[in-house]
Amino acid sequence: MDGRPAQEGRSAFAGPEGLRVGERLTDLPLTLASDPAAAGLETEPFLTVTHSGEGISVFDNGALTRRVERVSGGAIGELTYSRAEAAEFGTRYTPPGRTCS
């Protein structure tokens, strides 16, 4: 769920009117989240990566992670943006993470 491809119109999260964030996927109250503090799935509270790619950068190592709702209440939630991408697109840094619900 990377933000750059969506911003550039190269992913299913891009629509003719722009980003599809907030668009309803289902009427079910589904929430899919990445949460470093999820019980039984805890990870370090900061980012550690070994390579850069879309939505992730080695320059983000040490950045704090947080709960990110990828799907919230059945609608598309937040997309992943490195700090540089967030600055480029005028949005919030959204760390990648282990997906759990």
N, C-alpha and C. Protein backbone atom coordinates (compact mmCIF):
# COMPACT_ATOMS: atom_id res chain seq x y z
N MET A 1 0.84 -1.18 0.00
CA MET A 1 0.00 0.00 0.00
C MET A 1 0.88 1.24 0.00
N ASP A 2 1.77 1.30 -1.00
CA ASP A 2 2.70 2.42 -1.11
C ASP A 2 2.05 3.65 -1.71
N GLY A 3 2.41 4.81 -1.16
CA GLY A 3 1.82 6.06 -1.60
C GLY A 3 2.34 6.59 -2.92
N ARG A 4 3.66 6.45 -3.17
CA ARG A 4 4.22 7.02 -4.41
C ARG A 4 3.54 6.47 -5.66
N PRO A 5 3.41 5.16 -5.83
CA PRO A 5 2.73 4.67 -7.04
C PRO A 5 1.30 5.20 -7.16
N ALA A 6 0.61 5.34 -6.04
CA ALA A 6 -0.75 5.88 -6.07
C ALA A 6 -0.73 7.35 -6.50
N GLN A 7 0.20 8.11 -5.96
CA GLN A 7 0.32 9.53 -6.32
C GLN A 7 0.62 9.69 -7.81
N GLU A 8 1.40 8.76 -8.36
CA GLU A 8 1.81 8.84 -9.76
C GLU A 8 0.86 8.09 -10.70
N GLY A 9 -0.26 7.57 -10.16
CA GLY A 9 -1.25 6.90 -10.98
C GLY A 9 -0.86 5.51 -11.43
N ARG A 10 0.07 4.87 -10.69
CA ARG A 10 0.57 3.56 -11.09
C ARG A 10 0.10 2.42 -10.19
N SER A 11 -0.95 2.61 -9.43
CA SER A 11 -1.43 1.54 -8.56
C SER A 11 -2.95 1.53 -8.49
N ALA A 12 -3.46 0.47 -7.92
CA ALA A 12 -4.91 0.34 -7.74
C ALA A 12 -5.46 1.38 -6.76
N PHE A 13 -4.58 2.05 -6.02
CA PHE A 13 -5.01 3.06 -5.06
C PHE A 13 -5.10 4.45 -5.69
N ALA A 14 -4.88 4.52 -6.99
CA ALA A 14 -5.06 5.77 -7.74
C ALA A 14 -6.33 5.64 -8.57
N GLY A 15 -7.12 6.68 -8.56
CA GLY A 15 -8.35 6.68 -9.35
C GLY A 15 -8.34 7.85 -10.31
N PRO A 16 -9.35 7.97 -11.14
CA PRO A 16 -9.42 9.08 -12.10
C PRO A 16 -9.50 10.45 -11.43
N GLU A 17 -10.01 10.48 -10.20
CA GLU A 17 -10.14 11.73 -9.45
C GLU A 17 -8.98 11.97 -8.49
N GLY A 18 -8.01 11.07 -8.46
CA GLY A 18 -6.89 11.18 -7.53
C GLY A 18 -6.81 9.95 -6.65
N LEU A 19 -6.24 10.11 -5.47
CA LEU A 19 -6.09 8.98 -4.55
C LEU A 19 -7.43 8.41 -4.13
N ARG A 20 -7.46 7.11 -3.91
CA ARG A 20 -8.70 6.44 -3.52
C ARG A 20 -8.81 6.30 -2.00
N VAL A 21 -7.95 6.98 -1.25
CA VAL A 21 -8.00 6.94 0.21
C VAL A 21 -9.38 7.41 0.65
N GLY A 22 -9.98 6.66 1.55
CA GLY A 22 -11.33 6.97 2.03
C GLY A 22 -12.42 6.25 1.26
N GLU A 23 -12.06 5.66 0.11
CA GLU A 23 -13.05 4.94 -0.68
C GLU A 23 -13.41 3.62 0.00
N ARG A 24 -14.68 3.32 0.06
CA ARG A 24 -15.17 2.11 0.73
C ARG A 24 -14.90 0.89 -0.12
N LEU A 25 -14.28 -0.13 0.50
CA LEU A 25 -14.02 -1.41 -0.15
C LEU A 25 -15.10 -2.43 0.16
N THR A 26 -15.69 -2.31 1.35
CA THR A 26 -16.69 -3.26 1.79
C THR A 26 -17.62 -2.60 2.80
N ASP A 27 -18.82 -3.13 2.94
CA ASP A 27 -19.74 -2.64 3.96
C ASP A 27 -19.43 -3.26 5.32
N LEU A 28 -18.57 -4.27 5.33
CA LEU A 28 -18.17 -4.89 6.59
C LEU A 28 -17.29 -3.94 7.38
N PRO A 29 -17.35 -3.97 8.70
CA PRO A 29 -16.54 -3.07 9.53
C PRO A 29 -15.10 -3.58 9.67
N LEU A 30 -14.43 -3.79 8.53
CA LEU A 30 -13.09 -4.35 8.49
C LEU A 30 -12.03 -3.29 8.78
N THR A 31 -11.10 -3.62 9.66
CA THR A 31 -9.94 -2.77 9.90
C THR A 31 -8.70 -3.64 9.79
N LEU A 32 -7.74 -3.20 8.99
CA LEU A 32 -6.47 -3.88 8.80
C LEU A 32 -5.39 -2.88 9.18
N ALA A 33 -4.59 -3.23 10.18
CA ALA A 33 -3.64 -2.27 10.72
C ALA A 33 -2.24 -2.85 10.83
N SER A 34 -1.26 -1.97 10.76
CA SER A 34 0.13 -2.28 11.11
C SER A 34 0.33 -1.64 12.47
N ASP A 35 0.69 -2.44 13.46
CA ASP A 35 0.81 -1.92 14.82
C ASP A 35 2.00 -2.55 15.52
N PRO A 36 3.07 -1.77 15.76
CA PRO A 36 4.26 -2.32 16.39
C PRO A 36 4.03 -2.74 17.84
N ALA A 37 2.91 -2.33 18.43
CA ALA A 37 2.62 -2.68 19.82
C ALA A 37 1.53 -3.74 19.94
N ALA A 38 1.14 -4.38 18.83
CA ALA A 38 0.08 -5.39 18.86
C ALA A 38 0.49 -6.55 19.77
N ALA A 39 -0.39 -6.91 20.67
CA ALA A 39 -0.11 -7.98 21.64
C ALA A 39 0.31 -9.26 20.93
N GLY A 40 1.43 -9.78 21.33
CA GLY A 40 1.96 -11.02 20.76
C GLY A 40 2.73 -10.82 19.47
N LEU A 41 2.67 -9.63 18.90
CA LEU A 41 3.38 -9.33 17.65
C LEU A 41 4.26 -8.09 17.78
N GLU A 42 4.65 -7.76 19.00
CA GLU A 42 5.40 -6.54 19.24
C GLU A 42 6.70 -6.52 18.44
N THR A 43 7.04 -5.33 17.96
CA THR A 43 8.31 -5.09 17.29
C THR A 43 8.93 -3.84 17.89
N GLU A 44 10.14 -3.52 17.47
CA GLU A 44 10.77 -2.31 17.97
C GLU A 44 9.92 -1.10 17.60
N PRO A 45 9.93 -0.06 18.42
CA PRO A 45 9.08 1.11 18.16
C PRO A 45 9.70 2.11 17.19
N PHE A 46 10.69 1.65 16.44
CA PHE A 46 11.35 2.51 15.45
C PHE A 46 11.66 1.67 14.21
N LEU A 47 11.84 2.35 13.10
CA LEU A 47 12.04 1.68 11.82
C LEU A 47 13.48 1.18 11.68
N THR A 48 13.62 -0.04 11.23
CA THR A 48 14.93 -0.60 10.88
C THR A 48 14.79 -1.30 9.54
N VAL A 49 15.47 -0.78 8.52
CA VAL A 49 15.40 -1.37 7.19
C VAL A 49 16.81 -1.54 6.64
N THR A 50 16.96 -2.44 5.69
CA THR A 50 18.28 -2.71 5.10
C THR A 50 18.39 -2.24 3.66
N HIS A 51 17.29 -1.75 3.09
CA HIS A 51 17.30 -1.29 1.71
C HIS A 51 16.26 -0.19 1.52
N SER A 52 16.42 0.55 0.45
CA SER A 52 15.43 1.58 0.10
C SER A 52 14.56 1.09 -1.05
N GLY A 53 13.36 1.60 -1.13
CA GLY A 53 12.42 1.27 -2.20
C GLY A 53 11.23 2.21 -2.06
N GLU A 54 10.16 1.93 -2.79
CA GLU A 54 8.99 2.79 -2.69
C GLU A 54 8.38 2.67 -1.30
N GLY A 55 8.20 3.79 -0.64
CA GLY A 55 7.60 3.82 0.69
C GLY A 55 8.56 3.51 1.81
N ILE A 56 9.83 3.29 1.49
CA ILE A 56 10.80 2.91 2.52
C ILE A 56 12.17 3.45 2.13
N SER A 57 12.93 3.92 3.12
CA SER A 57 14.25 4.46 2.85
C SER A 57 15.18 4.15 4.02
N VAL A 58 16.43 3.82 3.70
CA VAL A 58 17.40 3.58 4.77
C VAL A 58 17.60 4.86 5.58
N PHE A 59 17.30 6.01 5.00
CA PHE A 59 17.43 7.28 5.72
C PHE A 59 16.34 7.46 6.77
N ASP A 60 15.34 6.57 6.77
CA ASP A 60 14.29 6.60 7.77
C ASP A 60 14.61 5.71 8.97
N ASN A 61 15.74 5.00 8.93
CA ASN A 61 16.12 4.16 10.08
C ASN A 61 16.11 5.00 11.35
N GLY A 62 15.49 4.46 12.38
CA GLY A 62 15.38 5.15 13.66
C GLY A 62 14.13 5.98 13.81
N ALA A 63 13.40 6.22 12.70
CA ALA A 63 12.15 6.99 12.79
C ALA A 63 11.13 6.18 13.60
N LEU A 64 10.37 6.86 14.42
CA LEU A 64 9.37 6.18 15.24
C LEU A 64 8.28 5.56 14.37
N THR A 65 7.82 4.39 14.77
CA THR A 65 6.70 3.74 14.10
C THR A 65 5.46 3.97 14.95
N ARG A 66 4.32 3.68 14.39
CA ARG A 66 3.05 3.88 15.09
C ARG A 66 2.02 2.96 14.46
N ARG A 67 0.87 2.86 15.08
CA ARG A 67 -0.23 2.12 14.50
C ARG A 67 -0.71 2.86 13.25
N VAL A 68 -0.85 2.13 12.16
CA VAL A 68 -1.33 2.69 10.90
C VAL A 68 -2.48 1.82 10.42
N GLU A 69 -3.64 2.41 10.23
CA GLU A 69 -4.79 1.67 9.72
C GLU A 69 -4.79 1.74 8.20
N ARG A 70 -4.44 0.61 7.58
CA ARG A 70 -4.37 0.51 6.11
C ARG A 70 -5.79 0.48 5.55
N VAL A 71 -6.67 -0.25 6.21
CA VAL A 71 -8.10 -0.27 5.91
C VAL A 71 -8.80 0.05 7.22
N SER A 72 -9.71 1.01 7.20
CA SER A 72 -10.37 1.45 8.42
C SER A 72 -11.89 1.46 8.21
N GLY A 73 -12.57 0.62 8.96
CA GLY A 73 -14.03 0.56 8.85
C GLY A 73 -14.51 0.18 7.46
N GLY A 74 -13.70 -0.59 6.73
CA GLY A 74 -14.06 -1.01 5.39
C GLY A 74 -13.61 -0.08 4.28
N ALA A 75 -12.96 1.03 4.63
CA ALA A 75 -12.50 2.01 3.63
C ALA A 75 -10.98 2.04 3.60
N ILE A 76 -10.42 2.44 2.46
CA ILE A 76 -8.97 2.56 2.31
C ILE A 76 -8.49 3.63 3.28
N GLY A 77 -7.50 3.27 4.10
CA GLY A 77 -6.95 4.18 5.09
C GLY A 77 -5.67 4.84 4.59
N GLU A 78 -4.62 4.76 5.40
CA GLU A 78 -3.37 5.42 5.07
C GLU A 78 -2.50 4.58 4.14
N LEU A 79 -1.77 5.27 3.27
CA LEU A 79 -0.79 4.64 2.40
C LEU A 79 0.59 4.89 2.99
N THR A 80 1.57 4.07 2.62
CA THR A 80 2.93 4.18 3.14
C THR A 80 3.72 5.24 2.40
N TYR A 81 4.36 6.15 3.17
CA TYR A 81 5.23 7.18 2.62
C TYR A 81 6.49 7.28 3.47
N SER A 82 7.66 7.25 2.84
CA SER A 82 8.90 7.54 3.56
C SER A 82 8.85 9.02 3.95
N ARG A 83 9.78 9.45 4.78
CA ARG A 83 9.78 10.87 5.17
C ARG A 83 10.00 11.78 3.96
N ALA A 84 10.90 11.38 3.05
CA ALA A 84 11.15 12.19 1.85
C ALA A 84 9.92 12.23 0.96
N GLU A 85 9.25 11.08 0.78
CA GLU A 85 8.03 11.06 -0.03
C GLU A 85 6.93 11.89 0.60
N ALA A 86 6.80 11.83 1.91
CA ALA A 86 5.78 12.63 2.60
C ALA A 86 6.02 14.11 2.35
N ALA A 87 7.28 14.53 2.43
CA ALA A 87 7.59 15.94 2.17
C ALA A 87 7.30 16.29 0.71
N GLU A 88 7.65 15.39 -0.21
CA GLU A 88 7.44 15.64 -1.64
C GLU A 88 5.96 15.78 -1.98
N PHE A 89 5.12 14.94 -1.39
CA PHE A 89 3.70 14.93 -1.73
C PHE A 89 2.83 15.70 -0.75
N GLY A 90 3.45 16.33 0.26
CA GLY A 90 2.69 17.13 1.20
C GLY A 90 1.75 16.32 2.07
N THR A 91 2.21 15.14 2.49
CA THR A 91 1.38 14.28 3.33
C THR A 91 2.18 13.86 4.56
N ARG A 92 1.62 13.00 5.35
CA ARG A 92 2.21 12.57 6.61
C ARG A 92 3.12 11.35 6.40
N TYR A 93 4.27 11.33 7.07
CA TYR A 93 5.14 10.15 7.07
C TYR A 93 4.32 8.98 7.63
N THR A 94 4.27 7.91 6.87
CA THR A 94 3.53 6.73 7.29
C THR A 94 4.45 5.52 7.15
N PRO A 95 4.90 4.99 8.28
CA PRO A 95 5.89 3.92 8.22
C PRO A 95 5.29 2.61 7.69
N PRO A 96 6.15 1.83 7.02
CA PRO A 96 5.72 0.49 6.66
C PRO A 96 5.68 -0.34 7.94
N GLY A 97 5.09 -1.47 7.90
CA GLY A 97 5.07 -2.28 9.12
C GLY A 97 4.51 -3.65 8.88
N ARG A 98 4.59 -4.43 9.92
CA ARG A 98 4.00 -5.77 9.91
C ARG A 98 2.49 -5.59 9.97
N THR A 99 1.77 -6.29 9.13
CA THR A 99 0.32 -6.15 9.09
C THR A 99 -0.33 -7.15 10.04
N CYS A 100 -1.20 -6.64 10.88
CA CYS A 100 -1.96 -7.48 11.80
C CYS A 100 -3.33 -6.83 11.98
N SER A 101 -4.31 -7.59 12.40
CA SER A 101 -5.63 -6.99 12.61
C SER A 101 -6.26 -7.49 13.88
